[in-house]
Amino acid sequence: MKTVLRYLLSLAIGVHALGALAQPDHVGQPDHENETLVINGCPIWPYTRCPGADLRHANLVGRNLVGADFRGADLSRADLRGANLAVANLTGANLTGARLTKATAANTDFKNAKFIGTDLDSARLMRSDFSGAEFIGANLEMARFNHAWFVGARFVASNFQETKFVATNMKSASFDGNYTLYTVFTESNLDDCKGCKESWK
């Protein structure tokens, strides 16, 4: 009987040892590639549906949020550096103090969104719609807005150094006290734009 017990014990130890060897190196570490992040009931993944979500101060660095529905969401002070917001809907979203450095948001809907103190340094925002949006004290340095729409948008005391507004629609937009060193407005529609300069045409 003792011999049988010794055999079973040694077998159990061997199986445990083999199992330990088979464990991947990242056990105990978060698997960011497969991890599902949920913030205040909002799952953070492509095409998520979270209109009106509370995502204040959320850490969304590098997240893939393609096609996400964030209409009216509160993303104030959220960290979206390097995030992908292509074809997402952020109509009426609050992005006050949010960080979107090097974020990608092509063909994204930002109509009536608030960008107060928002950092959009080097963001890629081509073909997106910012009609009716407010940019107050925002940093848009080196951001690219090629073919974007800013109909009726408001820009106050924002940094546009080396910003590219190529072929954008600025109809009825307003500019007041912005920094525009090396800013490009090539082929943009500036009809009825308040504060726009002739030299921008």
N, C-alpha and C. Protein backbone atom coordinates (compact mmCIF):
# COMPACT_ATOMS: atom_id res chain seq x y z
N MET A 1 0.84 -1.21 0.00
CA MET A 1 0.00 0.00 0.00
C MET A 1 0.87 1.26 0.00
N LYS A 2 1.93 1.20 0.83
CA LYS A 2 2.83 2.36 0.90
C LYS A 2 3.51 2.59 -0.44
N THR A 3 3.82 1.50 -1.12
CA THR A 3 4.47 1.62 -2.44
C THR A 3 3.54 2.30 -3.43
N VAL A 4 2.27 1.93 -3.38
CA VAL A 4 1.28 2.54 -4.28
C VAL A 4 1.13 4.03 -3.98
N LEU A 5 1.08 4.39 -2.67
CA LEU A 5 0.96 5.81 -2.29
C LEU A 5 2.15 6.62 -2.75
N ARG A 6 3.37 5.99 -2.58
CA ARG A 6 4.58 6.69 -3.03
C ARG A 6 4.54 6.93 -4.54
N TYR A 7 4.05 5.92 -5.28
CA TYR A 7 3.97 6.03 -6.74
C TYR A 7 3.00 7.15 -7.14
N LEU A 8 1.81 7.19 -6.50
CA LEU A 8 0.82 8.21 -6.82
C LEU A 8 1.32 9.61 -6.49
N LEU A 9 2.04 9.71 -5.32
CA LEU A 9 2.59 11.00 -4.91
C LEU A 9 3.63 11.49 -5.91
N SER A 10 4.51 10.58 -6.33
CA SER A 10 5.55 10.97 -7.29
C SER A 10 4.94 11.34 -8.63
N LEU A 11 3.85 10.63 -9.02
CA LEU A 11 3.16 10.94 -10.27
C LEU A 11 2.52 12.32 -10.21
N ALA A 12 1.89 12.65 -9.07
CA ALA A 12 1.26 13.96 -8.90
C ALA A 12 2.29 15.07 -8.95
N ILE A 13 3.45 14.84 -8.31
CA ILE A 13 4.52 15.84 -8.33
C ILE A 13 5.03 16.06 -9.75
N GLY A 14 5.15 14.96 -10.50
CA GLY A 14 5.63 15.07 -11.88
C GLY A 14 4.66 15.82 -12.76
N VAL A 15 3.36 15.54 -12.61
CA VAL A 15 2.34 16.24 -13.40
C VAL A 15 2.34 17.72 -13.08
N HIS A 16 2.46 18.05 -11.77
CA HIS A 16 2.50 19.47 -11.36
C HIS A 16 3.71 20.17 -11.97
N ALA A 17 4.85 19.48 -11.96
CA ALA A 17 6.07 20.07 -12.51
C ALA A 17 5.92 20.33 -14.00
N LEU A 18 5.33 19.34 -14.73
CA LEU A 18 5.11 19.52 -16.16
C LEU A 18 4.16 20.68 -16.43
N GLY A 19 3.13 20.80 -15.60
CA GLY A 19 2.17 21.90 -15.75
C GLY A 19 2.84 23.24 -15.56
N ALA A 20 3.73 23.30 -14.57
CA ALA A 20 4.44 24.56 -14.31
C ALA A 20 5.32 24.94 -15.49
N LEU A 21 5.97 23.90 -16.09
CA LEU A 21 6.82 24.18 -17.24
C LEU A 21 6.01 24.67 -18.44
N ALA A 22 4.78 24.18 -18.53
CA ALA A 22 3.93 24.54 -19.66
C ALA A 22 3.31 25.92 -19.53
N GLN A 23 3.37 26.52 -18.33
CA GLN A 23 2.76 27.84 -18.14
C GLN A 23 3.49 28.89 -18.96
N PRO A 24 2.78 29.78 -19.67
CA PRO A 24 3.44 30.84 -20.43
C PRO A 24 4.11 31.83 -19.49
N ASP A 25 5.11 32.52 -20.01
CA ASP A 25 5.90 33.44 -19.20
C ASP A 25 5.08 34.58 -18.64
N HIS A 26 3.96 34.94 -19.33
CA HIS A 26 3.22 36.14 -18.91
C HIS A 26 2.14 35.84 -17.88
N VAL A 27 2.09 34.62 -17.34
CA VAL A 27 1.07 34.33 -16.32
C VAL A 27 1.25 35.27 -15.15
N GLY A 28 0.16 35.82 -14.69
CA GLY A 28 0.23 36.78 -13.59
C GLY A 28 0.32 38.21 -14.08
N GLN A 29 0.59 38.39 -15.39
CA GLN A 29 0.65 39.71 -15.98
C GLN A 29 -0.60 39.92 -16.82
N PRO A 30 -1.12 41.13 -16.90
CA PRO A 30 -2.33 41.36 -17.70
C PRO A 30 -2.05 41.13 -19.18
N ASP A 31 -2.93 40.39 -19.84
CA ASP A 31 -2.82 40.14 -21.27
C ASP A 31 -3.61 41.23 -21.99
N HIS A 32 -2.92 42.35 -22.30
CA HIS A 32 -3.60 43.52 -22.85
C HIS A 32 -4.23 43.24 -24.21
N GLU A 33 -3.65 42.29 -24.95
CA GLU A 33 -4.17 42.03 -26.28
C GLU A 33 -5.55 41.38 -26.22
N ASN A 34 -5.77 40.52 -25.21
CA ASN A 34 -7.04 39.81 -25.12
C ASN A 34 -7.91 40.30 -23.97
N GLU A 35 -7.40 41.22 -23.18
CA GLU A 35 -8.12 41.69 -22.02
C GLU A 35 -9.30 42.59 -22.43
N THR A 36 -10.46 42.36 -21.84
CA THR A 36 -11.61 43.22 -22.09
C THR A 36 -11.73 44.23 -20.96
N LEU A 37 -11.54 45.49 -21.29
CA LEU A 37 -11.64 46.54 -20.30
C LEU A 37 -13.07 47.07 -20.31
N VAL A 38 -13.69 47.15 -19.14
CA VAL A 38 -15.04 47.70 -19.01
C VAL A 38 -14.98 48.86 -18.03
N ILE A 39 -15.43 50.04 -18.47
CA ILE A 39 -15.40 51.24 -17.62
C ILE A 39 -16.83 51.75 -17.46
N ASN A 40 -17.31 51.75 -16.23
CA ASN A 40 -18.68 52.22 -15.94
C ASN A 40 -19.71 51.59 -16.88
N GLY A 41 -19.56 50.29 -17.10
CA GLY A 41 -20.50 49.56 -17.93
C GLY A 41 -20.23 49.62 -19.42
N CYS A 42 -19.19 50.34 -19.83
CA CYS A 42 -18.87 50.47 -21.25
C CYS A 42 -17.70 49.57 -21.62
N PRO A 43 -17.92 48.52 -22.42
CA PRO A 43 -16.82 47.67 -22.86
C PRO A 43 -15.95 48.41 -23.86
N ILE A 44 -14.65 48.37 -23.65
CA ILE A 44 -13.72 49.10 -24.51
C ILE A 44 -13.19 48.16 -25.58
N TRP A 45 -13.85 48.21 -26.74
CA TRP A 45 -13.43 47.39 -27.88
C TRP A 45 -13.97 48.04 -29.15
N PRO A 46 -13.54 47.59 -30.33
CA PRO A 46 -14.03 48.18 -31.58
C PRO A 46 -15.55 48.07 -31.69
N TYR A 47 -16.17 49.12 -32.22
CA TYR A 47 -17.61 49.19 -32.46
C TYR A 47 -18.46 49.08 -31.19
N THR A 48 -17.88 49.42 -30.05
CA THR A 48 -18.65 49.41 -28.81
C THR A 48 -19.79 50.42 -28.89
N ARG A 49 -20.86 50.17 -28.17
CA ARG A 49 -22.03 51.06 -28.16
C ARG A 49 -22.20 51.64 -26.77
N CYS A 50 -21.69 52.87 -26.58
CA CYS A 50 -21.72 53.51 -25.26
C CYS A 50 -22.14 54.97 -25.34
N PRO A 51 -23.28 55.29 -25.96
CA PRO A 51 -23.70 56.70 -25.97
C PRO A 51 -23.93 57.20 -24.56
N GLY A 52 -23.44 58.41 -24.29
CA GLY A 52 -23.62 59.02 -22.96
C GLY A 52 -22.77 58.41 -21.87
N ALA A 53 -21.78 57.61 -22.23
CA ALA A 53 -20.95 56.92 -21.22
C ALA A 53 -20.12 57.89 -20.39
N ASP A 54 -19.88 57.51 -19.14
CA ASP A 54 -19.01 58.28 -18.25
C ASP A 54 -17.61 57.67 -18.34
N LEU A 55 -16.74 58.31 -19.14
CA LEU A 55 -15.38 57.83 -19.34
C LEU A 55 -14.37 58.88 -18.89
N ARG A 56 -14.77 59.65 -17.89
CA ARG A 56 -13.87 60.67 -17.35
C ARG A 56 -12.60 60.03 -16.79
N HIS A 57 -11.45 60.62 -17.13
CA HIS A 57 -10.14 60.16 -16.64
C HIS A 57 -9.80 58.73 -17.08
N ALA A 58 -10.52 58.18 -18.05
CA ALA A 58 -10.26 56.80 -18.48
C ALA A 58 -8.90 56.68 -19.16
N ASN A 59 -8.21 55.58 -18.89
CA ASN A 59 -6.94 55.29 -19.54
C ASN A 59 -7.23 54.46 -20.79
N LEU A 60 -7.21 55.12 -21.95
CA LEU A 60 -7.53 54.46 -23.22
C LEU A 60 -6.35 54.56 -24.18
N VAL A 61 -5.15 54.62 -23.64
CA VAL A 61 -3.94 54.75 -24.44
C VAL A 61 -3.81 53.58 -25.42
N GLY A 62 -3.69 53.92 -26.70
CA GLY A 62 -3.46 52.91 -27.72
C GLY A 62 -4.62 51.98 -28.00
N ARG A 63 -5.79 52.25 -27.45
CA ARG A 63 -6.93 51.34 -27.62
C ARG A 63 -7.52 51.42 -29.03
N ASN A 64 -8.00 50.30 -29.52
CA ASN A 64 -8.66 50.25 -30.82
C ASN A 64 -10.15 50.48 -30.60
N LEU A 65 -10.62 51.68 -30.94
CA LEU A 65 -12.01 52.08 -30.75
C LEU A 65 -12.67 52.41 -32.08
N VAL A 66 -12.26 51.71 -33.11
CA VAL A 66 -12.82 51.91 -34.44
C VAL A 66 -14.34 51.75 -34.39
N GLY A 67 -15.04 52.70 -34.98
CA GLY A 67 -16.49 52.60 -35.09
C GLY A 67 -17.27 52.71 -33.79
N ALA A 68 -16.61 53.14 -32.71
CA ALA A 68 -17.29 53.23 -31.40
C ALA A 68 -18.38 54.29 -31.41
N ASP A 69 -19.44 54.04 -30.66
CA ASP A 69 -20.53 55.02 -30.50
C ASP A 69 -20.37 55.68 -29.13
N PHE A 70 -19.78 56.88 -29.15
CA PHE A 70 -19.58 57.67 -27.93
C PHE A 70 -20.37 58.97 -28.00
N ARG A 71 -21.52 58.95 -28.63
CA ARG A 71 -22.33 60.16 -28.73
C ARG A 71 -22.67 60.69 -27.34
N GLY A 72 -22.36 61.97 -27.12
CA GLY A 72 -22.67 62.60 -25.84
C GLY A 72 -21.89 62.05 -24.66
N ALA A 73 -20.86 61.27 -24.92
CA ALA A 73 -20.07 60.69 -23.83
C ALA A 73 -19.20 61.75 -23.15
N ASP A 74 -18.91 61.53 -21.88
CA ASP A 74 -18.03 62.43 -21.13
C ASP A 74 -16.64 61.81 -21.10
N LEU A 75 -15.76 62.32 -21.96
CA LEU A 75 -14.38 61.83 -22.05
C LEU A 75 -13.41 62.89 -21.51
N SER A 76 -13.91 63.73 -20.61
CA SER A 76 -13.04 64.78 -20.08
C SER A 76 -11.86 64.16 -19.34
N ARG A 77 -10.69 64.67 -19.66
CA ARG A 77 -9.41 64.23 -19.10
C ARG A 77 -9.10 62.75 -19.38
N ALA A 78 -9.77 62.17 -20.35
CA ALA A 78 -9.43 60.80 -20.74
C ALA A 78 -8.10 60.80 -21.49
N ASP A 79 -7.35 59.71 -21.36
CA ASP A 79 -6.06 59.59 -22.04
C ASP A 79 -6.23 58.71 -23.27
N LEU A 80 -6.27 59.34 -24.44
CA LEU A 80 -6.50 58.64 -25.70
C LEU A 80 -5.27 58.71 -26.60
N ARG A 81 -4.10 58.88 -26.01
CA ARG A 81 -2.89 58.97 -26.82
C ARG A 81 -2.71 57.70 -27.66
N GLY A 82 -2.53 57.92 -28.97
CA GLY A 82 -2.30 56.80 -29.87
C GLY A 82 -3.51 55.92 -30.12
N ALA A 83 -4.68 56.32 -29.63
CA ALA A 83 -5.89 55.50 -29.82
C ALA A 83 -6.39 55.62 -31.25
N ASN A 84 -7.15 54.61 -31.67
CA ASN A 84 -7.74 54.60 -33.02
C ASN A 84 -9.24 54.82 -32.90
N LEU A 85 -9.69 56.00 -33.34
CA LEU A 85 -11.11 56.37 -33.28
C LEU A 85 -11.69 56.52 -34.68
N ALA A 86 -11.12 55.85 -35.65
CA ALA A 86 -11.59 55.96 -37.03
C ALA A 86 -13.06 55.57 -37.12
N VAL A 87 -13.81 56.29 -37.91
CA VAL A 87 -15.25 56.12 -38.15
C VAL A 87 -16.08 55.98 -36.88
N ALA A 88 -15.59 56.53 -35.77
CA ALA A 88 -16.36 56.53 -34.52
C ALA A 88 -17.33 57.71 -34.52
N ASN A 89 -18.30 57.66 -33.61
CA ASN A 89 -19.29 58.74 -33.50
C ASN A 89 -19.15 59.40 -32.13
N LEU A 90 -18.62 60.62 -32.11
CA LEU A 90 -18.45 61.38 -30.88
C LEU A 90 -19.25 62.68 -30.92
N THR A 91 -20.39 62.64 -31.59
CA THR A 91 -21.24 63.81 -31.67
C THR A 91 -21.61 64.30 -30.26
N GLY A 92 -21.31 65.57 -29.99
CA GLY A 92 -21.66 66.16 -28.70
C GLY A 92 -20.84 65.65 -27.53
N ALA A 93 -19.75 64.94 -27.79
CA ALA A 93 -18.92 64.41 -26.71
C ALA A 93 -18.14 65.54 -26.02
N ASN A 94 -17.85 65.33 -24.75
CA ASN A 94 -17.07 66.29 -23.98
C ASN A 94 -15.64 65.77 -23.87
N LEU A 95 -14.71 66.45 -24.57
CA LEU A 95 -13.30 66.04 -24.58
C LEU A 95 -12.44 67.08 -23.87
N THR A 96 -13.03 67.76 -22.90
CA THR A 96 -12.30 68.77 -22.14
C THR A 96 -11.10 68.15 -21.43
N GLY A 97 -9.92 68.70 -21.69
CA GLY A 97 -8.71 68.23 -21.03
C GLY A 97 -8.26 66.85 -21.46
N ALA A 98 -8.88 66.28 -22.49
CA ALA A 98 -8.49 64.94 -22.95
C ALA A 98 -7.16 65.01 -23.70
N ARG A 99 -6.46 63.88 -23.73
CA ARG A 99 -5.17 63.80 -24.43
C ARG A 99 -5.33 62.88 -25.64
N LEU A 100 -5.19 63.47 -26.83
CA LEU A 100 -5.32 62.70 -28.06
C LEU A 100 -4.04 62.79 -28.90
N THR A 101 -2.92 62.97 -28.25
CA THR A 101 -1.64 63.04 -28.95
C THR A 101 -1.45 61.82 -29.83
N LYS A 102 -1.17 62.05 -31.11
CA LYS A 102 -0.92 60.99 -32.09
C LYS A 102 -2.08 60.02 -32.24
N ALA A 103 -3.27 60.45 -31.86
CA ALA A 103 -4.46 59.61 -32.07
C ALA A 103 -4.84 59.63 -33.55
N THR A 104 -5.55 58.60 -33.98
CA THR A 104 -6.06 58.53 -35.34
C THR A 104 -7.58 58.57 -35.30
N ALA A 105 -8.16 59.49 -36.05
CA ALA A 105 -9.63 59.60 -36.06
C ALA A 105 -10.08 60.03 -37.45
N ALA A 106 -9.83 59.19 -38.43
CA ALA A 106 -10.24 59.48 -39.80
C ALA A 106 -11.72 59.17 -39.98
N ASN A 107 -12.42 60.04 -40.71
CA ASN A 107 -13.86 59.85 -40.99
C ASN A 107 -14.68 59.71 -39.70
N THR A 108 -14.29 60.45 -38.69
CA THR A 108 -14.96 60.39 -37.39
C THR A 108 -15.91 61.57 -37.23
N ASP A 109 -17.01 61.35 -36.52
CA ASP A 109 -18.03 62.39 -36.33
C ASP A 109 -17.82 63.07 -34.98
N PHE A 110 -17.35 64.33 -35.02
CA PHE A 110 -17.13 65.14 -33.81
C PHE A 110 -18.07 66.34 -33.78
N LYS A 111 -19.18 66.26 -34.47
CA LYS A 111 -20.07 67.43 -34.51
C LYS A 111 -20.47 67.87 -33.10
N ASN A 112 -20.37 69.20 -32.85
CA ASN A 112 -20.78 69.82 -31.58
C ASN A 112 -20.00 69.29 -30.37
N ALA A 113 -18.85 68.70 -30.60
CA ALA A 113 -18.02 68.21 -29.48
C ALA A 113 -17.26 69.38 -28.84
N LYS A 114 -16.86 69.20 -27.58
CA LYS A 114 -16.11 70.24 -26.87
C LYS A 114 -14.65 69.82 -26.72
N PHE A 115 -13.76 70.69 -27.23
CA PHE A 115 -12.32 70.47 -27.11
C PHE A 115 -11.75 71.64 -26.30
N ILE A 116 -11.96 71.64 -25.02
CA ILE A 116 -11.49 72.72 -24.15
C ILE A 116 -10.23 72.25 -23.43
N GLY A 117 -9.11 72.89 -23.76
CA GLY A 117 -7.83 72.47 -23.18
C GLY A 117 -7.42 71.08 -23.63
N THR A 118 -7.92 70.64 -24.76
CA THR A 118 -7.64 69.30 -25.28
C THR A 118 -6.30 69.29 -26.01
N ASP A 119 -5.54 68.20 -25.86
CA ASP A 119 -4.24 68.07 -26.53
C ASP A 119 -4.38 67.15 -27.74
N LEU A 120 -4.30 67.76 -28.94
CA LEU A 120 -4.41 67.01 -30.20
C LEU A 120 -3.09 67.04 -30.96
N ASP A 121 -2.00 67.20 -30.26
CA ASP A 121 -0.67 67.29 -30.87
C ASP A 121 -0.42 66.09 -31.78
N SER A 122 -0.12 66.37 -33.06
CA SER A 122 0.25 65.34 -34.05
C SER A 122 -0.84 64.31 -34.31
N ALA A 123 -2.09 64.63 -33.98
CA ALA A 123 -3.20 63.71 -34.26
C ALA A 123 -3.50 63.70 -35.75
N ARG A 124 -4.04 62.58 -36.23
CA ARG A 124 -4.41 62.42 -37.63
C ARG A 124 -5.93 62.35 -37.71
N LEU A 125 -6.56 63.44 -38.21
CA LEU A 125 -8.01 63.59 -38.12
C LEU A 125 -8.62 63.91 -39.48
N MET A 126 -8.11 63.25 -40.50
CA MET A 126 -8.53 63.53 -41.86
C MET A 126 -9.99 63.11 -42.12
N ARG A 127 -10.66 63.94 -42.91
CA ARG A 127 -12.04 63.67 -43.37
C ARG A 127 -13.06 63.56 -42.23
N SER A 128 -12.74 64.08 -41.07
CA SER A 128 -13.67 64.04 -39.94
C SER A 128 -14.55 65.29 -39.93
N ASP A 129 -15.68 65.20 -39.23
CA ASP A 129 -16.64 66.30 -39.21
C ASP A 129 -16.66 66.95 -37.83
N PHE A 130 -16.17 68.19 -37.77
CA PHE A 130 -16.13 68.97 -36.53
C PHE A 130 -17.12 70.13 -36.57
N SER A 131 -18.13 70.04 -37.39
CA SER A 131 -19.10 71.13 -37.52
C SER A 131 -19.72 71.46 -36.17
N GLY A 132 -19.71 72.74 -35.82
CA GLY A 132 -20.30 73.18 -34.56
C GLY A 132 -19.46 72.88 -33.33
N ALA A 133 -18.27 72.32 -33.52
CA ALA A 133 -17.42 71.99 -32.37
C ALA A 133 -16.75 73.24 -31.80
N GLU A 134 -16.34 73.16 -30.53
CA GLU A 134 -15.65 74.27 -29.87
C GLU A 134 -14.23 73.85 -29.51
N PHE A 135 -13.26 74.67 -29.94
CA PHE A 135 -11.85 74.47 -29.59
C PHE A 135 -11.41 75.69 -28.78
N ILE A 136 -11.32 75.54 -27.48
CA ILE A 136 -10.94 76.66 -26.62
C ILE A 136 -9.69 76.28 -25.83
N GLY A 137 -8.61 77.03 -26.05
CA GLY A 137 -7.36 76.73 -25.36
C GLY A 137 -6.82 75.35 -25.70
N ALA A 138 -7.14 74.86 -26.89
CA ALA A 138 -6.71 73.51 -27.30
C ALA A 138 -5.34 73.57 -27.98
N ASN A 139 -4.64 72.45 -27.95
CA ASN A 139 -3.36 72.33 -28.63
C ASN A 139 -3.52 71.44 -29.85
N LEU A 140 -3.41 72.05 -31.04
CA LEU A 140 -3.55 71.30 -32.28
C LEU A 140 -2.24 71.30 -33.06
N GLU A 141 -1.13 71.49 -32.37
CA GLU A 141 0.16 71.59 -33.05
C GLU A 141 0.46 70.35 -33.88
N MET A 142 0.78 70.58 -35.15
CA MET A 142 1.16 69.54 -36.11
C MET A 142 0.05 68.51 -36.37
N ALA A 143 -1.17 68.82 -35.97
CA ALA A 143 -2.30 67.92 -36.27
C ALA A 143 -2.64 68.05 -37.76
N ARG A 144 -3.23 66.99 -38.31
CA ARG A 144 -3.59 66.98 -39.73
C ARG A 144 -5.10 66.80 -39.87
N PHE A 145 -5.72 67.82 -40.50
CA PHE A 145 -7.18 67.83 -40.67
C PHE A 145 -7.56 67.84 -42.16
N ASN A 146 -6.78 67.23 -43.00
CA ASN A 146 -7.06 67.25 -44.43
C ASN A 146 -8.50 66.82 -44.73
N HIS A 147 -9.20 67.63 -45.53
CA HIS A 147 -10.57 67.33 -45.99
C HIS A 147 -11.60 67.25 -44.84
N ALA A 148 -11.27 67.81 -43.69
CA ALA A 148 -12.22 67.80 -42.56
C ALA A 148 -13.22 68.96 -42.70
N TRP A 149 -14.34 68.84 -41.99
CA TRP A 149 -15.38 69.87 -41.99
C TRP A 149 -15.42 70.58 -40.65
N PHE A 150 -15.43 71.94 -40.70
CA PHE A 150 -15.48 72.77 -39.50
C PHE A 150 -16.58 73.82 -39.66
N VAL A 151 -17.66 73.47 -40.29
CA VAL A 151 -18.74 74.43 -40.53
C VAL A 151 -19.30 74.92 -39.20
N GLY A 152 -19.20 76.25 -38.99
CA GLY A 152 -19.71 76.83 -37.75
C GLY A 152 -18.90 76.51 -36.51
N ALA A 153 -17.71 75.94 -36.68
CA ALA A 153 -16.86 75.62 -35.53
C ALA A 153 -16.27 76.90 -34.93
N ARG A 154 -15.89 76.83 -33.66
CA ARG A 154 -15.36 78.00 -32.96
C ARG A 154 -13.97 77.68 -32.42
N PHE A 155 -12.99 78.55 -32.74
CA PHE A 155 -11.61 78.37 -32.31
C PHE A 155 -11.18 79.58 -31.50
N VAL A 156 -10.88 79.38 -30.23
CA VAL A 156 -10.50 80.49 -29.36
C VAL A 156 -9.20 80.14 -28.61
N ALA A 157 -8.21 81.04 -28.71
CA ALA A 157 -6.96 80.92 -27.95
C ALA A 157 -6.34 79.52 -28.03
N SER A 158 -6.33 78.96 -29.24
CA SER A 158 -5.77 77.63 -29.44
C SER A 158 -4.46 77.68 -30.20
N ASN A 159 -3.66 76.65 -30.08
CA ASN A 159 -2.35 76.58 -30.72
C ASN A 159 -2.45 75.80 -32.03
N PHE A 160 -2.23 76.50 -33.17
CA PHE A 160 -2.27 75.86 -34.48
C PHE A 160 -0.90 75.81 -35.14
N GLN A 161 0.15 75.82 -34.38
CA GLN A 161 1.48 75.83 -35.00
C GLN A 161 1.68 74.58 -35.87
N GLU A 162 1.97 74.83 -37.14
CA GLU A 162 2.21 73.77 -38.13
C GLU A 162 1.02 72.82 -38.32
N THR A 163 -0.17 73.27 -37.97
CA THR A 163 -1.38 72.48 -38.20
C THR A 163 -1.74 72.52 -39.68
N LYS A 164 -2.21 71.39 -40.21
CA LYS A 164 -2.55 71.29 -41.63
C LYS A 164 -4.07 71.24 -41.79
N PHE A 165 -4.64 72.36 -42.29
CA PHE A 165 -6.06 72.43 -42.63
C PHE A 165 -6.17 72.40 -44.16
N VAL A 166 -5.77 71.32 -44.78
CA VAL A 166 -5.74 71.24 -46.24
C VAL A 166 -7.11 70.82 -46.77
N ALA A 167 -7.65 71.63 -47.68
CA ALA A 167 -8.94 71.34 -48.32
C ALA A 167 -10.06 71.12 -47.30
N THR A 168 -10.07 71.93 -46.24
CA THR A 168 -11.11 71.81 -45.22
C THR A 168 -12.26 72.78 -45.51
N ASN A 169 -13.39 72.53 -44.87
CA ASN A 169 -14.55 73.42 -45.02
C ASN A 169 -14.70 74.23 -43.74
N MET A 170 -14.31 75.51 -43.81
CA MET A 170 -14.36 76.42 -42.66
C MET A 170 -15.53 77.40 -42.76
N LYS A 171 -16.52 77.06 -43.54
CA LYS A 171 -17.64 77.98 -43.75
C LYS A 171 -18.29 78.36 -42.41
N SER A 172 -18.41 79.68 -42.19
CA SER A 172 -19.06 80.24 -40.99
C SER A 172 -18.35 79.89 -39.68
N ALA A 173 -17.10 79.43 -39.77
CA ALA A 173 -16.32 79.18 -38.55
C ALA A 173 -15.86 80.52 -37.98
N SER A 174 -15.38 80.52 -36.73
CA SER A 174 -14.88 81.76 -36.14
C SER A 174 -13.54 81.51 -35.45
N PHE A 175 -12.61 82.46 -35.64
CA PHE A 175 -11.27 82.38 -35.07
C PHE A 175 -11.02 83.61 -34.21
N ASP A 176 -10.53 83.39 -33.01
CA ASP A 176 -10.26 84.52 -32.11
C ASP A 176 -9.05 84.23 -31.23
N GLY A 177 -7.97 84.96 -31.47
CA GLY A 177 -6.80 84.89 -30.60
C GLY A 177 -6.02 83.59 -30.68
N ASN A 178 -5.97 82.96 -31.85
CA ASN A 178 -5.24 81.70 -31.99
C ASN A 178 -3.81 81.93 -32.47
N TYR A 179 -2.95 80.97 -32.19
CA TYR A 179 -1.55 81.03 -32.61
C TYR A 179 -1.42 80.22 -33.90
N THR A 180 -1.07 80.89 -35.00
CA THR A 180 -1.12 80.24 -36.31
C THR A 180 0.22 80.25 -37.04
N LEU A 181 1.32 80.07 -36.35
CA LEU A 181 2.63 80.04 -36.98
C LEU A 181 2.76 78.80 -37.87
N TYR A 182 3.05 79.05 -39.16
CA TYR A 182 3.23 77.97 -40.15
C TYR A 182 1.97 77.10 -40.33
N THR A 183 0.82 77.64 -39.98
CA THR A 183 -0.44 76.91 -40.19
C THR A 183 -0.79 76.94 -41.68
N VAL A 184 -1.32 75.83 -42.18
CA VAL A 184 -1.64 75.72 -43.61
C VAL A 184 -3.15 75.60 -43.80
N PHE A 185 -3.72 76.49 -44.65
CA PHE A 185 -5.15 76.46 -44.97
C PHE A 185 -5.35 76.24 -46.48
N THR A 186 -4.43 75.58 -47.13
CA THR A 186 -4.46 75.40 -48.58
C THR A 186 -5.79 74.82 -49.07
N GLU A 187 -6.37 75.49 -50.07
CA GLU A 187 -7.60 75.04 -50.75
C GLU A 187 -8.80 74.88 -49.81
N SER A 188 -8.77 75.57 -48.69
CA SER A 188 -9.90 75.47 -47.75
C SER A 188 -10.99 76.48 -48.09
N ASN A 189 -12.22 76.15 -47.75
CA ASN A 189 -13.36 77.04 -47.95
C ASN A 189 -13.49 77.93 -46.71
N LEU A 190 -13.22 79.23 -46.88
CA LEU A 190 -13.26 80.17 -45.77
C LEU A 190 -14.43 81.14 -45.88
N ASP A 191 -15.46 80.76 -46.62
CA ASP A 191 -16.63 81.64 -46.80
C ASP A 191 -17.28 81.96 -45.46
N ASP A 192 -17.55 83.26 -45.25
CA ASP A 192 -18.21 83.75 -44.04
C ASP A 192 -17.46 83.38 -42.76
N CYS A 193 -16.18 83.10 -42.88
CA CYS A 193 -15.37 82.75 -41.71
C CYS A 193 -14.98 84.02 -40.95
N LYS A 194 -15.35 84.10 -39.69
CA LYS A 194 -15.05 85.27 -38.87
C LYS A 194 -13.64 85.15 -38.29
N GLY A 195 -12.84 86.18 -38.51
CA GLY A 195 -11.47 86.17 -38.00
C GLY A 195 -10.47 85.51 -38.92
N CYS A 196 -10.92 84.96 -40.04
CA CYS A 196 -10.01 84.37 -41.02
C CYS A 196 -9.29 85.49 -41.79
N LYS A 197 -8.06 85.26 -42.13
CA LYS A 197 -7.27 86.28 -42.83
C LYS A 197 -7.21 86.01 -44.32
N GLU A 198 -7.10 87.08 -45.09
CA GLU A 198 -6.99 86.94 -46.54
C GLU A 198 -5.77 86.11 -46.91
N SER A 199 -4.72 86.23 -46.12
CA SER A 199 -3.47 85.52 -46.43
C SER A 199 -3.62 83.99 -46.30
N TRP A 200 -4.70 83.56 -45.66
CA TRP A 200 -4.92 82.11 -45.50
C TRP A 200 -5.47 81.49 -46.77
N LYS A 201 -6.02 82.31 -47.65
CA LYS A 201 -6.66 81.77 -48.86
C LYS A 201 -5.61 81.36 -49.90
